[in-house]
N, C-alpha and C. Protein backbone atom coordinates (compact mmCIF):
# COMPACT_ATOMS: atom_id res chain seq x y z
N MET A 1 -11.75 -13.41 -5.91
CA MET A 1 -10.76 -12.56 -5.29
C MET A 1 -9.36 -12.90 -5.83
N LEU A 2 -9.11 -14.18 -6.04
CA LEU A 2 -7.81 -14.59 -6.54
C LEU A 2 -7.53 -13.98 -7.91
N ALA A 3 -8.53 -13.99 -8.80
CA ALA A 3 -8.33 -13.45 -10.15
C ALA A 3 -8.20 -11.94 -10.14
N SER A 4 -8.80 -11.25 -9.18
CA SER A 4 -8.63 -9.81 -9.12
C SER A 4 -7.24 -9.44 -8.62
N ILE A 5 -6.62 -10.29 -7.82
CA ILE A 5 -5.27 -10.04 -7.33
C ILE A 5 -4.24 -10.44 -8.38
N LEU A 6 -4.47 -11.58 -9.04
CA LEU A 6 -3.57 -12.07 -10.08
C LEU A 6 -4.27 -12.00 -11.43
N PRO A 7 -4.13 -10.90 -12.18
CA PRO A 7 -4.83 -10.77 -13.47
C PRO A 7 -4.16 -11.61 -14.56
N LEU A 8 -4.52 -12.89 -14.60
CA LEU A 8 -3.97 -13.82 -15.58
C LEU A 8 -5.03 -14.17 -16.61
N PRO A 9 -4.63 -14.66 -17.80
CA PRO A 9 -5.61 -15.02 -18.81
C PRO A 9 -6.51 -16.17 -18.36
N SER A 10 -7.68 -16.25 -18.95
CA SER A 10 -8.66 -17.27 -18.55
C SER A 10 -8.16 -18.69 -18.83
N LEU A 11 -7.35 -18.87 -19.85
CA LEU A 11 -6.81 -20.21 -20.14
C LEU A 11 -5.89 -20.71 -19.04
N PHE A 12 -5.23 -19.79 -18.35
CA PHE A 12 -4.39 -20.20 -17.22
C PHE A 12 -5.23 -20.85 -16.14
N TRP A 13 -6.38 -20.25 -15.82
CA TRP A 13 -7.25 -20.79 -14.78
C TRP A 13 -7.84 -22.14 -15.21
N LEU A 14 -8.17 -22.28 -16.49
CA LEU A 14 -8.69 -23.57 -16.98
C LEU A 14 -7.62 -24.66 -16.92
N ALA A 15 -6.38 -24.31 -17.26
CA ALA A 15 -5.29 -25.29 -17.19
C ALA A 15 -5.07 -25.73 -15.74
N GLY A 16 -5.10 -24.78 -14.82
CA GLY A 16 -4.95 -25.13 -13.40
C GLY A 16 -6.08 -26.01 -12.92
N MET A 17 -7.27 -25.76 -13.43
CA MET A 17 -8.40 -26.60 -13.06
C MET A 17 -8.22 -28.02 -13.60
N GLY A 18 -7.69 -28.14 -14.81
CA GLY A 18 -7.42 -29.47 -15.36
C GLY A 18 -6.40 -30.23 -14.53
N ILE A 19 -5.38 -29.54 -14.09
CA ILE A 19 -4.36 -30.17 -13.23
C ILE A 19 -4.99 -30.59 -11.89
N SER A 20 -5.88 -29.77 -11.36
CA SER A 20 -6.54 -30.11 -10.09
C SER A 20 -7.46 -31.32 -10.26
N ILE A 21 -8.12 -31.44 -11.39
CA ILE A 21 -8.96 -32.61 -11.66
C ILE A 21 -8.10 -33.87 -11.74
N ALA A 22 -6.94 -33.74 -12.40
CA ALA A 22 -6.02 -34.89 -12.46
C ALA A 22 -5.53 -35.25 -11.06
N GLY A 23 -5.24 -34.24 -10.23
CA GLY A 23 -4.83 -34.50 -8.85
C GLY A 23 -5.93 -35.16 -8.04
N CYS A 24 -7.17 -34.81 -8.31
CA CYS A 24 -8.31 -35.43 -7.63
C CYS A 24 -8.38 -36.93 -7.97
N ILE A 25 -8.11 -37.23 -9.22
CA ILE A 25 -8.13 -38.64 -9.64
C ILE A 25 -6.98 -39.40 -8.99
N ILE A 26 -5.81 -38.77 -8.96
CA ILE A 26 -4.63 -39.44 -8.38
C ILE A 26 -4.81 -39.66 -6.87
N TYR A 27 -5.33 -38.68 -6.17
CA TYR A 27 -5.49 -38.76 -4.72
C TYR A 27 -6.90 -39.17 -4.30
N TRP A 28 -7.60 -39.93 -5.10
CA TRP A 28 -8.98 -40.30 -4.83
C TRP A 28 -9.15 -41.07 -3.52
N LYS A 29 -8.21 -41.91 -3.20
CA LYS A 29 -8.34 -42.74 -2.00
C LYS A 29 -7.84 -42.05 -0.73
N GLN A 30 -7.24 -40.89 -0.86
CA GLN A 30 -6.79 -40.13 0.31
C GLN A 30 -7.77 -38.97 0.54
N PRO A 31 -8.50 -39.00 1.64
CA PRO A 31 -9.56 -38.00 1.84
C PRO A 31 -9.06 -36.55 1.87
N TYR A 32 -7.92 -36.30 2.51
CA TYR A 32 -7.43 -34.92 2.57
C TYR A 32 -6.89 -34.46 1.23
N GLY A 33 -6.26 -35.33 0.49
CA GLY A 33 -5.78 -34.99 -0.85
C GLY A 33 -6.94 -34.70 -1.79
N ARG A 34 -7.97 -35.55 -1.69
CA ARG A 34 -9.17 -35.35 -2.51
C ARG A 34 -9.86 -34.03 -2.16
N LEU A 35 -9.94 -33.71 -0.87
CA LEU A 35 -10.56 -32.46 -0.43
C LEU A 35 -9.76 -31.25 -0.91
N ALA A 36 -8.44 -31.32 -0.80
CA ALA A 36 -7.59 -30.22 -1.24
C ALA A 36 -7.73 -29.98 -2.75
N CYS A 37 -7.77 -31.06 -3.51
CA CYS A 37 -7.94 -30.92 -4.97
C CYS A 37 -9.32 -30.38 -5.32
N ALA A 38 -10.35 -30.80 -4.60
CA ALA A 38 -11.70 -30.29 -4.85
C ALA A 38 -11.78 -28.81 -4.53
N LEU A 39 -11.17 -28.39 -3.44
CA LEU A 39 -11.14 -26.96 -3.10
C LEU A 39 -10.39 -26.16 -4.16
N ALA A 40 -9.28 -26.72 -4.65
CA ALA A 40 -8.53 -26.05 -5.71
C ALA A 40 -9.37 -25.92 -6.98
N ILE A 41 -10.14 -26.96 -7.29
CA ILE A 41 -11.02 -26.90 -8.48
C ILE A 41 -12.01 -25.76 -8.34
N PHE A 42 -12.67 -25.66 -7.18
CA PHE A 42 -13.66 -24.61 -6.99
C PHE A 42 -13.03 -23.22 -6.97
N LEU A 43 -11.85 -23.10 -6.39
CA LEU A 43 -11.15 -21.83 -6.37
C LEU A 43 -10.78 -21.39 -7.78
N LEU A 44 -10.23 -22.31 -8.56
CA LEU A 44 -9.83 -21.99 -9.93
C LEU A 44 -11.04 -21.77 -10.84
N LEU A 45 -12.13 -22.48 -10.59
CA LEU A 45 -13.35 -22.28 -11.36
C LEU A 45 -13.92 -20.87 -11.10
N GLY A 46 -13.89 -20.43 -9.86
CA GLY A 46 -14.34 -19.08 -9.54
C GLY A 46 -13.44 -18.02 -10.17
N ALA A 47 -12.13 -18.25 -10.16
CA ALA A 47 -11.20 -17.30 -10.78
C ALA A 47 -11.41 -17.25 -12.29
N TRP A 48 -11.66 -18.39 -12.90
CA TRP A 48 -11.93 -18.44 -14.34
C TRP A 48 -13.21 -17.68 -14.67
N ARG A 49 -14.26 -17.88 -13.88
CA ARG A 49 -15.54 -17.19 -14.12
C ARG A 49 -15.39 -15.69 -13.97
N TYR A 50 -14.64 -15.25 -12.98
CA TYR A 50 -14.39 -13.82 -12.78
C TYR A 50 -13.64 -13.24 -13.98
N THR A 51 -12.65 -13.98 -14.47
CA THR A 51 -11.84 -13.49 -15.58
C THR A 51 -12.64 -13.35 -16.87
N ILE A 52 -13.50 -14.32 -17.17
CA ILE A 52 -14.26 -14.20 -18.42
C ILE A 52 -15.38 -13.18 -18.32
N ALA A 53 -15.76 -12.81 -17.11
CA ALA A 53 -16.83 -11.82 -16.93
C ALA A 53 -16.31 -10.39 -16.94
N THR A 54 -15.02 -10.20 -16.74
CA THR A 54 -14.48 -8.85 -16.71
C THR A 54 -14.27 -8.33 -18.12
N PRO A 55 -14.36 -7.01 -18.31
CA PRO A 55 -14.24 -6.43 -19.65
C PRO A 55 -12.88 -6.61 -20.30
N ARG A 56 -11.84 -6.89 -19.55
CA ARG A 56 -10.52 -6.99 -20.17
C ARG A 56 -10.40 -8.17 -21.13
N GLU A 57 -11.28 -9.17 -20.99
CA GLU A 57 -11.28 -10.30 -21.90
C GLU A 57 -12.06 -9.98 -23.18
N ASN A 58 -12.88 -8.96 -23.16
CA ASN A 58 -13.69 -8.57 -24.31
C ASN A 58 -12.97 -7.47 -25.06
N SER A 59 -12.53 -7.74 -26.28
CA SER A 59 -11.75 -6.77 -27.04
C SER A 59 -12.58 -5.58 -27.49
N GLN A 60 -13.90 -5.69 -27.51
CA GLN A 60 -14.75 -4.58 -27.93
C GLN A 60 -15.27 -3.76 -26.76
N SER A 61 -14.81 -4.04 -25.57
CA SER A 61 -15.30 -3.34 -24.39
C SER A 61 -14.78 -1.91 -24.34
N ILE A 62 -15.62 -1.03 -23.88
CA ILE A 62 -15.25 0.38 -23.72
C ILE A 62 -14.23 0.56 -22.61
N ALA A 63 -14.14 -0.40 -21.71
CA ALA A 63 -13.23 -0.30 -20.56
C ALA A 63 -11.76 -0.22 -20.99
N HIS A 64 -11.43 -0.70 -22.19
CA HIS A 64 -10.05 -0.64 -22.67
C HIS A 64 -9.60 0.78 -22.96
N LEU A 65 -10.51 1.70 -23.10
CA LEU A 65 -10.18 3.05 -23.53
C LEU A 65 -10.16 4.07 -22.41
N VAL A 66 -10.30 3.62 -21.16
CA VAL A 66 -10.25 4.55 -20.04
C VAL A 66 -8.85 5.15 -19.95
N GLY A 67 -8.81 6.48 -19.92
CA GLY A 67 -7.53 7.17 -19.80
C GLY A 67 -6.79 7.38 -21.10
N SER A 68 -7.34 6.93 -22.22
CA SER A 68 -6.66 7.12 -23.50
C SER A 68 -6.92 8.53 -24.01
N HIS A 69 -6.48 8.81 -25.21
CA HIS A 69 -6.65 10.14 -25.79
C HIS A 69 -8.13 10.42 -26.09
N GLN A 70 -8.40 11.58 -26.66
CA GLN A 70 -9.78 11.98 -26.91
C GLN A 70 -10.45 11.05 -27.92
N ILE A 71 -11.69 10.67 -27.63
CA ILE A 71 -12.45 9.76 -28.47
C ILE A 71 -13.85 10.29 -28.68
N ARG A 72 -14.55 9.70 -29.64
CA ARG A 72 -15.96 10.00 -29.87
C ARG A 72 -16.75 8.71 -29.67
N ILE A 73 -17.89 8.83 -29.02
CA ILE A 73 -18.72 7.67 -28.73
C ILE A 73 -20.13 7.94 -29.21
N ARG A 74 -20.72 6.95 -29.86
CA ARG A 74 -22.14 6.99 -30.20
C ARG A 74 -22.84 5.95 -29.36
N GLY A 75 -23.99 6.33 -28.83
CA GLY A 75 -24.72 5.39 -28.00
C GLY A 75 -26.14 5.86 -27.74
N VAL A 76 -26.84 5.10 -26.92
CA VAL A 76 -28.22 5.36 -26.59
C VAL A 76 -28.32 5.58 -25.08
N ILE A 77 -29.07 6.58 -24.68
CA ILE A 77 -29.27 6.82 -23.25
C ILE A 77 -30.17 5.70 -22.72
N ASN A 78 -29.66 4.99 -21.73
CA ASN A 78 -30.24 3.73 -21.28
C ASN A 78 -31.16 3.87 -20.07
N ALA A 79 -31.20 5.03 -19.44
CA ALA A 79 -32.03 5.23 -18.24
C ALA A 79 -32.43 6.69 -18.17
N GLU A 80 -33.42 6.97 -17.35
CA GLU A 80 -33.85 8.35 -17.16
C GLU A 80 -32.69 9.15 -16.55
N PRO A 81 -32.44 10.36 -17.04
CA PRO A 81 -31.36 11.18 -16.47
C PRO A 81 -31.63 11.52 -15.02
N THR A 82 -30.55 11.61 -14.26
CA THR A 82 -30.61 12.04 -12.87
C THR A 82 -30.17 13.50 -12.83
N THR A 83 -31.00 14.36 -12.32
CA THR A 83 -30.66 15.78 -12.32
C THR A 83 -30.52 16.31 -10.91
N THR A 84 -29.62 17.25 -10.77
CA THR A 84 -29.48 18.03 -9.54
C THR A 84 -29.54 19.49 -9.97
N THR A 85 -29.36 20.40 -9.04
CA THR A 85 -29.41 21.81 -9.41
C THR A 85 -28.23 22.24 -10.26
N ARG A 86 -27.14 21.48 -10.22
CA ARG A 86 -25.94 21.91 -10.95
C ARG A 86 -25.40 20.90 -11.95
N SER A 87 -26.05 19.76 -12.11
CA SER A 87 -25.55 18.78 -13.07
C SER A 87 -26.66 17.84 -13.51
N ARG A 88 -26.36 17.11 -14.56
CA ARG A 88 -27.28 16.10 -15.09
C ARG A 88 -26.45 14.87 -15.41
N SER A 89 -26.88 13.72 -14.92
CA SER A 89 -26.13 12.48 -15.09
C SER A 89 -26.88 11.55 -16.05
N LEU A 90 -26.17 11.06 -17.06
CA LEU A 90 -26.76 10.20 -18.09
C LEU A 90 -26.05 8.86 -18.11
N LEU A 91 -26.81 7.77 -18.25
CA LEU A 91 -26.24 6.44 -18.42
C LEU A 91 -26.36 6.09 -19.90
N VAL A 92 -25.22 5.93 -20.58
CA VAL A 92 -25.20 5.72 -22.02
C VAL A 92 -24.70 4.32 -22.32
N GLU A 93 -25.47 3.58 -23.12
CA GLU A 93 -25.04 2.28 -23.62
C GLU A 93 -24.31 2.53 -24.94
N THR A 94 -23.02 2.24 -24.97
CA THR A 94 -22.20 2.57 -26.13
C THR A 94 -22.45 1.59 -27.28
N ARG A 95 -22.38 2.12 -28.48
CA ARG A 95 -22.58 1.31 -29.69
C ARG A 95 -21.36 1.37 -30.61
N GLU A 96 -20.85 2.58 -30.84
CA GLU A 96 -19.71 2.77 -31.74
C GLU A 96 -18.72 3.73 -31.11
N ILE A 97 -17.47 3.61 -31.56
CA ILE A 97 -16.42 4.48 -31.04
C ILE A 97 -15.50 4.88 -32.18
N SER A 98 -14.99 6.10 -32.11
CA SER A 98 -14.05 6.59 -33.11
C SER A 98 -12.85 7.18 -32.38
N ARG A 99 -11.68 6.77 -32.79
CA ARG A 99 -10.45 7.29 -32.19
C ARG A 99 -9.80 8.35 -33.06
N ASP A 100 -10.34 8.54 -34.26
CA ASP A 100 -9.74 9.49 -35.20
C ASP A 100 -10.70 10.63 -35.56
N ASN A 101 -11.37 11.16 -34.56
CA ASN A 101 -12.25 12.31 -34.69
C ASN A 101 -13.41 12.09 -35.66
N GLY A 102 -13.94 10.88 -35.70
CA GLY A 102 -15.14 10.60 -36.48
C GLY A 102 -14.92 10.13 -37.90
N LYS A 103 -13.69 9.88 -38.31
CA LYS A 103 -13.43 9.42 -39.68
C LYS A 103 -13.81 7.95 -39.85
N THR A 104 -13.44 7.12 -38.88
CA THR A 104 -13.80 5.70 -38.91
C THR A 104 -14.45 5.34 -37.58
N TRP A 105 -15.39 4.40 -37.63
CA TRP A 105 -16.11 3.98 -36.44
C TRP A 105 -15.97 2.48 -36.26
N GLN A 106 -15.81 2.05 -35.01
CA GLN A 106 -15.71 0.63 -34.66
C GLN A 106 -16.83 0.28 -33.68
N THR A 107 -17.30 -0.95 -33.76
CA THR A 107 -18.33 -1.42 -32.85
C THR A 107 -17.74 -1.59 -31.46
N THR A 108 -18.49 -1.20 -30.44
CA THR A 108 -18.04 -1.36 -29.07
C THR A 108 -19.25 -1.68 -28.20
N ASP A 109 -18.99 -2.12 -27.00
CA ASP A 109 -20.09 -2.35 -26.06
C ASP A 109 -19.65 -1.94 -24.66
N GLY A 110 -20.63 -1.67 -23.85
CA GLY A 110 -20.38 -1.24 -22.49
C GLY A 110 -21.30 -0.08 -22.14
N LYS A 111 -21.25 0.33 -20.91
CA LYS A 111 -22.06 1.45 -20.44
C LYS A 111 -21.14 2.45 -19.77
N ILE A 112 -21.44 3.72 -19.98
CA ILE A 112 -20.68 4.79 -19.33
C ILE A 112 -21.66 5.77 -18.71
N ARG A 113 -21.23 6.41 -17.64
CA ARG A 113 -22.02 7.45 -17.00
C ARG A 113 -21.38 8.78 -17.33
N ILE A 114 -22.21 9.70 -17.80
CA ILE A 114 -21.74 11.02 -18.20
C ILE A 114 -22.39 12.05 -17.30
N THR A 115 -21.60 12.97 -16.80
CA THR A 115 -22.11 14.06 -15.99
C THR A 115 -21.95 15.35 -16.75
N VAL A 116 -23.07 16.02 -17.00
CA VAL A 116 -23.07 17.30 -17.69
C VAL A 116 -23.19 18.36 -16.61
N ARG A 117 -22.17 19.19 -16.49
CA ARG A 117 -22.15 20.22 -15.44
C ARG A 117 -22.85 21.48 -15.92
N GLY A 118 -23.27 22.28 -14.99
CA GLY A 118 -23.94 23.54 -15.30
C GLY A 118 -25.40 23.46 -14.90
N ASN A 119 -26.13 24.48 -15.21
CA ASN A 119 -27.53 24.56 -14.83
C ASN A 119 -28.38 23.86 -15.89
N THR A 120 -28.25 22.53 -16.00
CA THR A 120 -28.96 21.76 -17.02
C THR A 120 -30.24 21.16 -16.50
N SER A 121 -30.53 21.32 -15.22
CA SER A 121 -31.72 20.68 -14.66
C SER A 121 -33.01 21.28 -15.22
N ILE A 122 -32.96 22.52 -15.69
CA ILE A 122 -34.16 23.14 -16.24
C ILE A 122 -34.22 23.03 -17.76
N ASP A 123 -33.24 22.38 -18.38
CA ASP A 123 -33.21 22.23 -19.84
C ASP A 123 -34.13 21.09 -20.25
N SER A 124 -35.33 21.41 -20.68
CA SER A 124 -36.29 20.37 -21.06
C SER A 124 -35.97 19.75 -22.41
N TYR A 125 -35.07 20.37 -23.18
CA TYR A 125 -34.70 19.85 -24.50
C TYR A 125 -33.39 19.07 -24.47
N GLY A 126 -32.86 18.80 -23.28
CA GLY A 126 -31.64 18.03 -23.15
C GLY A 126 -31.88 16.57 -23.48
N ALA A 127 -30.82 15.81 -23.51
CA ALA A 127 -30.90 14.39 -23.84
C ALA A 127 -31.72 13.65 -22.78
N ASN A 128 -32.57 12.73 -23.23
CA ASN A 128 -33.43 11.96 -22.35
C ASN A 128 -33.38 10.49 -22.71
N TYR A 129 -34.08 9.68 -21.95
CA TYR A 129 -34.12 8.23 -22.14
C TYR A 129 -34.48 7.86 -23.59
N GLY A 130 -33.66 7.00 -24.19
CA GLY A 130 -33.92 6.52 -25.55
C GLY A 130 -33.28 7.35 -26.64
N ASP A 131 -32.74 8.51 -26.32
CA ASP A 131 -32.12 9.36 -27.33
C ASP A 131 -30.77 8.79 -27.76
N VAL A 132 -30.47 8.93 -29.05
CA VAL A 132 -29.16 8.56 -29.58
C VAL A 132 -28.26 9.78 -29.45
N VAL A 133 -27.10 9.59 -28.85
CA VAL A 133 -26.19 10.71 -28.61
C VAL A 133 -24.81 10.40 -29.16
N GLU A 134 -24.07 11.47 -29.46
CA GLU A 134 -22.66 11.35 -29.83
C GLU A 134 -21.88 12.23 -28.87
N ILE A 135 -20.91 11.64 -28.22
CA ILE A 135 -20.17 12.30 -27.15
C ILE A 135 -18.70 12.34 -27.53
N ARG A 136 -18.05 13.45 -27.20
CA ARG A 136 -16.62 13.59 -27.47
C ARG A 136 -15.92 13.92 -26.16
N GLY A 137 -14.78 13.25 -25.89
CA GLY A 137 -14.04 13.54 -24.68
C GLY A 137 -13.07 12.43 -24.33
N VAL A 138 -12.53 12.50 -23.14
CA VAL A 138 -11.60 11.50 -22.63
C VAL A 138 -12.32 10.73 -21.53
N LEU A 139 -12.28 9.40 -21.60
CA LEU A 139 -12.92 8.57 -20.58
C LEU A 139 -12.08 8.57 -19.31
N ALA A 140 -12.74 8.77 -18.19
CA ALA A 140 -12.07 8.73 -16.89
C ALA A 140 -12.67 7.60 -16.07
N PRO A 141 -11.89 7.00 -15.18
CA PRO A 141 -12.46 5.95 -14.32
C PRO A 141 -13.55 6.53 -13.44
N PRO A 142 -14.49 5.70 -12.99
CA PRO A 142 -15.57 6.22 -12.16
C PRO A 142 -15.06 6.77 -10.84
N SER A 143 -15.69 7.83 -10.40
CA SER A 143 -15.36 8.44 -9.12
C SER A 143 -16.49 8.13 -8.15
N TYR A 144 -16.18 7.39 -7.11
CA TYR A 144 -17.20 7.02 -6.15
C TYR A 144 -17.22 7.95 -4.95
N ALA A 145 -16.27 8.87 -4.89
CA ALA A 145 -16.24 9.81 -3.78
C ALA A 145 -17.32 10.86 -3.98
N PRO A 146 -17.96 11.29 -2.92
CA PRO A 146 -18.98 12.32 -3.07
C PRO A 146 -18.35 13.62 -3.54
N GLN A 147 -19.02 14.30 -4.45
CA GLN A 147 -18.49 15.54 -5.00
C GLN A 147 -19.02 16.71 -4.20
N MET A 148 -18.16 17.69 -3.98
CA MET A 148 -18.54 18.85 -3.20
C MET A 148 -18.50 20.07 -4.10
N TYR A 149 -19.53 20.86 -4.06
CA TYR A 149 -19.58 22.09 -4.82
C TYR A 149 -19.33 23.25 -3.87
N LEU A 150 -18.36 24.06 -4.22
CA LEU A 150 -18.01 25.21 -3.39
C LEU A 150 -18.62 26.46 -4.01
N GLY A 151 -19.06 27.35 -3.19
CA GLY A 151 -19.62 28.61 -3.68
C GLY A 151 -21.09 28.47 -4.02
N GLN A 152 -21.61 29.48 -4.68
CA GLN A 152 -23.05 29.49 -5.02
C GLN A 152 -23.29 28.79 -6.31
């Protein structure tokens, strides 16, 4: 929770942990000082683990491109599509990305969910599990709010 509130580099958390270890050694004979330093070590260790696990530390992560200009993504559909009467949802594991309309490609990693709107539930020739796809568009952050369809 601390690292999500204070988005600092992972080396900052490791340095703080080193200082807490030194404080533990200095206050070894004082039980409350030793306890406070041990708690600080565990708190900073958790913040460090959170920081290295988040995509912002990975320069090849697709998460860096959310909200940027139009891009092209190549990837593999990683799960069976979820279909409704008005849309089809695909989970794509990204492999390559192009920011210049397909002229150059860079390696990337991450997963994105794509929603194809329209009456695609009856399209038996649409993209399915294991297919390699190329997608063009602007990445948007995930929407967790339920979507409402108005009209027929």
